[in-house]
C-alpha atoms as a PDB file:
ATOM      1  CA  UNK A   1      53.584 107.372 116.750  1.00  0.00           C
ATOM      2  CA  UNK A   2      57.132 108.664 117.182  1.00  0.00           C
ATOM      3  CA  UNK A   3      58.260 108.466 120.780  1.00  0.00           C
ATOM      4  CA  UNK A   4      59.817 111.437 122.505  1.00  0.00           C
ATOM      5  CA  UNK A   5      62.565 111.444 125.102  1.00  0.00           C
ATOM      6  CA  UNK A   6      62.204 113.137 128.489  1.00  0.00           C
ATOM      7  CA  UNK A   7      65.053 114.501 130.597  1.00  0.00           C
ATOM      8  CA  UNK A   8      64.980 116.116 134.053  1.00  0.00           C
ATOM      9  CA  UNK A   9      67.977 118.507 134.096  1.00  0.00           C
ATOM     10  CA  UNK A  10      67.395 119.864 137.606  1.00  0.00           C
ATOM     11  CA  UNK A  11      65.344 122.651 139.162  1.00  0.00           C
ATOM     12  CA  UNK A  12      65.575 126.401 138.654  1.00  0.00           C
ATOM     13  CA  UNK A  13      64.234 129.346 140.630  1.00  0.00           C
ATOM     14  CA  UNK A  14      62.080 131.864 138.805  1.00  0.00           C
ATOM     15  CA  UNK A  15      60.497 134.838 140.602  1.00  0.00           C
ATOM     16  CA  UNK A  16      60.887 133.147 143.982  1.00  0.00           C
ATOM     17  CA  UNK A  17      59.297 129.903 142.782  1.00  0.00           C
ATOM     18  CA  UNK A  18      61.218 126.617 142.506  1.00  0.00           C
ATOM     19  CA  UNK A  19      60.419 124.810 139.271  1.00  0.00           C
ATOM     20  CA  UNK A  20      61.402 121.291 138.333  1.00  0.00           C
ATOM     21  CA  UNK A  21      62.493 121.129 134.711  1.00  0.00           C
ATOM     22  CA  UNK A  22      61.524 118.521 132.150  1.00  0.00           C
ATOM     23  CA  UNK A  23      62.873 118.650 128.608  1.00  0.00           C
ATOM     24  CA  UNK A  24      61.216 116.692 125.823  1.00  0.00           C
ATOM     25  CA  UNK A  25      62.946 116.160 122.508  1.00  0.00           C
ATOM     26  CA  UNK A  26      62.471 114.056 119.398  1.00  0.00           C
ATOM     27  CA  UNK A  27      65.854 112.398 119.891  1.00  0.00           C
ATOM     28  CA  UNK A  28      67.925 111.393 122.879  1.00  0.00           C
ATOM     29  CA  UNK A  29      69.617 114.803 123.017  1.00  0.00           C
ATOM     30  CA  UNK A  30      69.330 117.919 125.143  1.00  0.00           C
ATOM     31  CA  UNK A  31      67.357 121.004 124.152  1.00  0.00           C
ATOM     32  CA  UNK A  32      69.723 123.484 122.488  1.00  0.00           C
ATOM     33  CA  UNK A  33      71.269 126.037 124.918  1.00  0.00           C
ATOM     34  CA  UNK A  34      69.851 129.027 123.013  1.00  0.00           C
ATOM     35  CA  UNK A  35      66.317 127.639 123.316  1.00  0.00           C
ATOM     36  CA  UNK A  36      66.866 126.939 127.028  1.00  0.00           C
ATOM     37  CA  UNK A  37      68.017 130.535 127.597  1.00  0.00           C
ATOM     38  CA  UNK A  38      65.108 131.994 125.640  1.00  0.00           C
ATOM     39  CA  UNK A  39      62.682 129.847 127.640  1.00  0.00           C
ATOM     40  CA  UNK A  40      64.235 130.934 130.929  1.00  0.00           C
ATOM     41  CA  UNK A  41      63.988 134.586 129.852  1.00  0.00           C
ATOM     42  CA  UNK A  42      60.207 134.385 129.317  1.00  0.00           C
ATOM     43  CA  UNK A  43      59.444 132.272 132.403  1.00  0.00           C
ATOM     44  CA  UNK A  44      58.874 135.275 134.735  1.00  0.00           C
ATOM     45  CA  UNK A  45      55.858 136.118 132.555  1.00  0.00           C
ATOM     46  CA  UNK A  46      54.462 132.602 133.035  1.00  0.00           C
ATOM     47  CA  UNK A  47      54.659 132.061 136.797  1.00  0.00           C
ATOM     48  CA  UNK A  48      52.062 133.613 139.109  1.00  0.00           C
ATOM     49  CA  UNK A  49      52.842 135.669 142.169  1.00  0.00           C
ATOM     50  CA  UNK A  50      53.365 133.693 145.348  1.00  0.00           C
ATOM     51  CA  UNK A  51      50.475 133.271 147.718  1.00  0.00           C
ATOM     52  CA  UNK A  52      50.650 132.809 151.477  1.00  0.00           C
ATOM     53  CA  UNK A  53      49.045 129.359 151.420  1.00  0.00           C
ATOM     54  CA  UNK A  54      51.143 127.424 148.917  1.00  0.00           C
ATOM     55  CA  UNK A  55      54.811 126.467 148.894  1.00  0.00           C
ATOM     56  CA  UNK A  56      56.229 128.335 145.867  1.00  0.00           C
ATOM     57  CA  UNK A  57      56.821 125.452 143.481  1.00  0.00           C
ATOM     58  CA  UNK A  58      55.848 123.817 140.238  1.00  0.00           C
ATOM     59  CA  UNK A  59      57.364 122.329 137.127  1.00  0.00           C
ATOM     60  CA  UNK A  60      57.947 123.234 133.539  1.00  0.00           C
ATOM     61  CA  UNK A  61      58.101 121.310 130.318  1.00  0.00           C
ATOM     62  CA  UNK A  62      60.293 122.600 127.490  1.00  0.00           C
ATOM     63  CA  UNK A  63      59.497 120.650 124.326  1.00  0.00           C
ATOM     64  CA  UNK A  64      61.196 120.908 120.965  1.00  0.00           C
ATOM     65  CA  UNK A  65      59.056 119.588 118.155  1.00  0.00           C
ATOM     66  CA  UNK A  66      59.971 117.742 114.997  1.00  0.00           C
ATOM     67  CA  UNK A  67      59.230 120.911 113.007  1.00  0.00           C
ATOM     68  CA  UNK A  68      61.878 122.869 114.952  1.00  0.00           C
ATOM     69  CA  UNK A  69      59.403 124.845 117.062  1.00  0.00           C
ATOM     70  CA  UNK A  70      59.703 125.083 120.847  1.00  0.00           C
ATOM     71  CA  UNK A  71      56.901 124.880 123.386  1.00  0.00           C
ATOM     72  CA  UNK A  72      57.113 125.894 127.036  1.00  0.00           C
ATOM     73  CA  UNK A  73      54.515 124.918 129.646  1.00  0.00           C
ATOM     74  CA  UNK A  74      54.865 126.352 133.165  1.00  0.00           C
ATOM     75  CA  UNK A  75      52.771 124.542 135.778  1.00  0.00           C
ATOM     76  CA  UNK A  76      52.561 126.297 139.171  1.00  0.00           C
ATOM     77  CA  UNK A  77      50.971 125.100 142.393  1.00  0.00           C
ATOM     78  CA  UNK A  78      48.561 127.731 143.758  1.00  0.00           C
ATOM     79  CA  UNK A  79      45.796 127.888 146.350  1.00  0.00           C
ATOM     80  CA  UNK A  80      47.271 124.898 148.183  1.00  0.00           C
ATOM     81  CA  UNK A  81      46.316 122.160 145.740  1.00  0.00           C
ATOM     82  CA  UNK A  82      45.539 123.688 142.350  1.00  0.00           C
ATOM     83  CA  UNK A  83      47.728 123.676 139.236  1.00  0.00           C
ATOM     84  CA  UNK A  84      47.874 126.863 137.174  1.00  0.00           C
ATOM     85  CA  UNK A  85      49.336 126.553 133.689  1.00  0.00           C
ATOM     86  CA  UNK A  86      50.673 129.236 131.399  1.00  0.00           C
ATOM     87  CA  UNK A  87      52.554 128.625 128.191  1.00  0.00           C
ATOM     88  CA  UNK A  88      54.730 130.156 125.520  1.00  0.00           C
ATOM     89  CA  UNK A  89      55.687 129.094 122.029  1.00  0.00           C
ATOM     90  CA  UNK A  90      58.465 129.894 119.571  1.00  0.00           C
ATOM     91  CA  UNK A  91      58.837 129.125 115.886  1.00  0.00           C
ATOM     92  CA  UNK A  92      55.279 127.905 115.273  1.00  0.00           C
ATOM     93  CA  UNK A  93      53.420 130.164 112.795  1.00  0.00           C
ATOM     94  CA  UNK A  94      50.233 128.084 113.229  1.00  0.00           C
ATOM     95  CA  UNK A  95      50.056 129.386 116.818  1.00  0.00           C
ATOM     96  CA  UNK A  96      50.682 133.011 115.871  1.00  0.00           C
ATOM     97  CA  UNK A  97      54.476 133.161 116.029  1.00  0.00           C
ATOM     98  CA  UNK A  98      55.842 135.884 113.756  1.00  0.00           C
ATOM     99  CA  UNK A  99      58.673 133.648 112.500  1.00  0.00           C
ATOM    100  CA  UNK A 100      60.149 130.145 112.707  1.00  0.00           C
ATOM    101  CA  UNK A 101      62.891 131.050 115.197  1.00  0.00           C
ATOM    102  CA  UNK A 102      62.737 128.517 118.102  1.00  0.00           C
ATOM    103  CA  UNK A 103      64.365 131.115 120.392  1.00  0.00           C
ATOM    104  CA  UNK A 104      61.719 133.819 119.808  1.00  0.00           C
ATOM    105  CA  UNK A 105      59.143 132.926 122.484  1.00  0.00           C
ATOM    106  CA  UNK A 106      55.818 134.640 122.918  1.00  0.00           C
ATOM    107  CA  UNK A 107      53.126 133.979 125.500  1.00  0.00           C
ATOM    108  CA  UNK A 108      50.469 131.605 124.160  1.00  0.00           C
ATOM    109  CA  UNK A 109      46.930 132.604 125.061  1.00  0.00           C
ATOM    110  CA  UNK A 110      45.129 129.297 124.587  1.00  0.00           C
ATOM    111  CA  UNK A 111      43.243 127.186 127.104  1.00  0.00           C
ATOM    112  CA  UNK A 112      45.415 124.158 126.364  1.00  0.00           C
ATOM    113  CA  UNK A 113      47.306 122.404 129.171  1.00  0.00           C
ATOM    114  CA  UNK A 114      49.834 120.570 127.004  1.00  0.00           C
ATOM    115  CA  UNK A 115      50.162 117.994 124.268  1.00  0.00           C
ATOM    116  CA  UNK A 116      50.344 114.261 124.897  1.00  0.00           C
ATOM    117  CA  UNK A 117      54.141 114.434 125.304  1.00  0.00           C
ATOM    118  CA  UNK A 118      54.084 117.459 127.627  1.00  0.00           C
ATOM    119  CA  UNK A 119      51.561 115.756 129.902  1.00  0.00           C
ATOM    120  CA  UNK A 120      53.880 112.817 130.661  1.00  0.00           C
ATOM    121  CA  UNK A 121      55.034 114.346 133.999  1.00  0.00           C
ATOM    122  CA  UNK A 122      51.540 115.453 135.094  1.00  0.00           C
ATOM    123  CA  UNK A 123      50.470 112.332 137.031  1.00  0.00           C
ATOM    124  CA  UNK A 124      53.855 112.057 138.704  1.00  0.00           C
ATOM    125  CA  UNK A 125      53.741 115.702 139.785  1.00  0.00           C
ATOM    126  CA  UNK A 126      50.287 115.311 141.295  1.00  0.00           C
ATOM    127  CA  UNK A 127      51.396 112.290 143.332  1.00  0.00           C
ATOM    128  CA  UNK A 128      54.644 113.983 144.347  1.00  0.00           C
ATOM    129  CA  UNK A 129      52.742 117.062 145.614  1.00  0.00           C
ATOM    130  CA  UNK A 130      50.439 114.889 147.706  1.00  0.00           C
ATOM    131  CA  UNK A 131      53.336 112.801 149.062  1.00  0.00           C
ATOM    132  CA  UNK A 132      55.660 115.697 149.963  1.00  0.00           C
ATOM    133  CA  UNK A 133      53.380 118.701 150.571  1.00  0.00           C
ATOM    134  CA  UNK A 134      49.816 117.693 151.458  1.00  0.00           C
ATOM    135  CA  UNK A 135      50.241 114.465 153.463  1.00  0.00           C
ATOM    136  CA  UNK A 136      53.094 115.327 155.886  1.00  0.00           C
ATOM    137  CA  UNK A 137      52.471 117.405 158.993  1.00  0.00           C
ATOM    138  CA  UNK A 138      55.139 119.798 157.698  1.00  0.00           C
ATOM    139  CA  UNK A 139      55.433 120.291 153.925  1.00  0.00           C
ATOM    140  CA  UNK A 140      58.750 119.066 152.479  1.00  0.00           C
ATOM    141  CA  UNK A 141      59.452 121.427 149.575  1.00  0.00           C
ATOM    142  CA  UNK A 142      62.975 120.057 149.087  1.00  0.00           C
ATOM    143  CA  UNK A 143      61.608 116.520 148.888  1.00  0.00           C
ATOM    144  CA  UNK A 144      59.073 117.633 146.300  1.00  0.00           C
ATOM    145  CA  UNK A 145      61.652 119.453 144.177  1.00  0.00           C
ATOM    146  CA  UNK A 146      64.008 116.457 144.208  1.00  0.00           C
ATOM    147  CA  UNK A 147      61.269 113.968 143.256  1.00  0.00           C
ATOM    148  CA  UNK A 148      61.198 113.953 139.448  1.00  0.00           C
ATOM    149  CA  UNK A 149      59.829 111.600 136.868  1.00  0.00           C
ATOM    150  CA  UNK A 150      62.610 109.252 135.715  1.00  0.00           C
ATOM    151  CA  UNK A 151      64.228 110.150 132.424  1.00  0.00           C
ATOM    152  CA  UNK A 152      63.301 108.041 129.440  1.00  0.00           C
ATOM    153  CA  UNK A 153      60.921 107.562 126.561  1.00  0.00           C
ATOM    154  CA  UNK A 154      57.461 109.116 126.882  1.00  0.00           C
ATOM    155  CA  UNK A 155      55.529 107.074 124.310  1.00  0.00           C
ATOM    156  CA  UNK A 156      54.262 104.205 126.387  1.00  0.00           C
ATOM    157  CA  UNK A 157      52.038 104.106 129.420  1.00  0.00           C
ATOM    158  CA  UNK A 158      53.958 104.147 132.680  1.00  0.00           C
END
């Protein structure tokens, strides 16, 4: 098993929704700027419309694979306590990409929620949502957005 490295480069706002960002790479380096821009450009297609019940938040995982492909998972909180996930992929012909360009994202229509590396933040995000949004008398969206999984290797159990 080859470990991956996770970074948390700070939140972004997409379609009125604040998303924490996690980047996963095969080496201790940042995702290339062109891939980041291409991912940001497709994100509006991956986040649902806001509802009146849920603070508009979530997280995303942008993962560059060893084969050069890029995978984007957008996890959005909806209906108060439910996670909706939509994804996109670039440069992976196996998943229907027309080419191997890691900046040419298309929406992925599979029922997958993420690979083992992309799921590293999932448990943390669930606990963070409970701690900052569901348990307090008044939801603390800023507290939630600022509470990220620590950067580091994703291979071992945390």
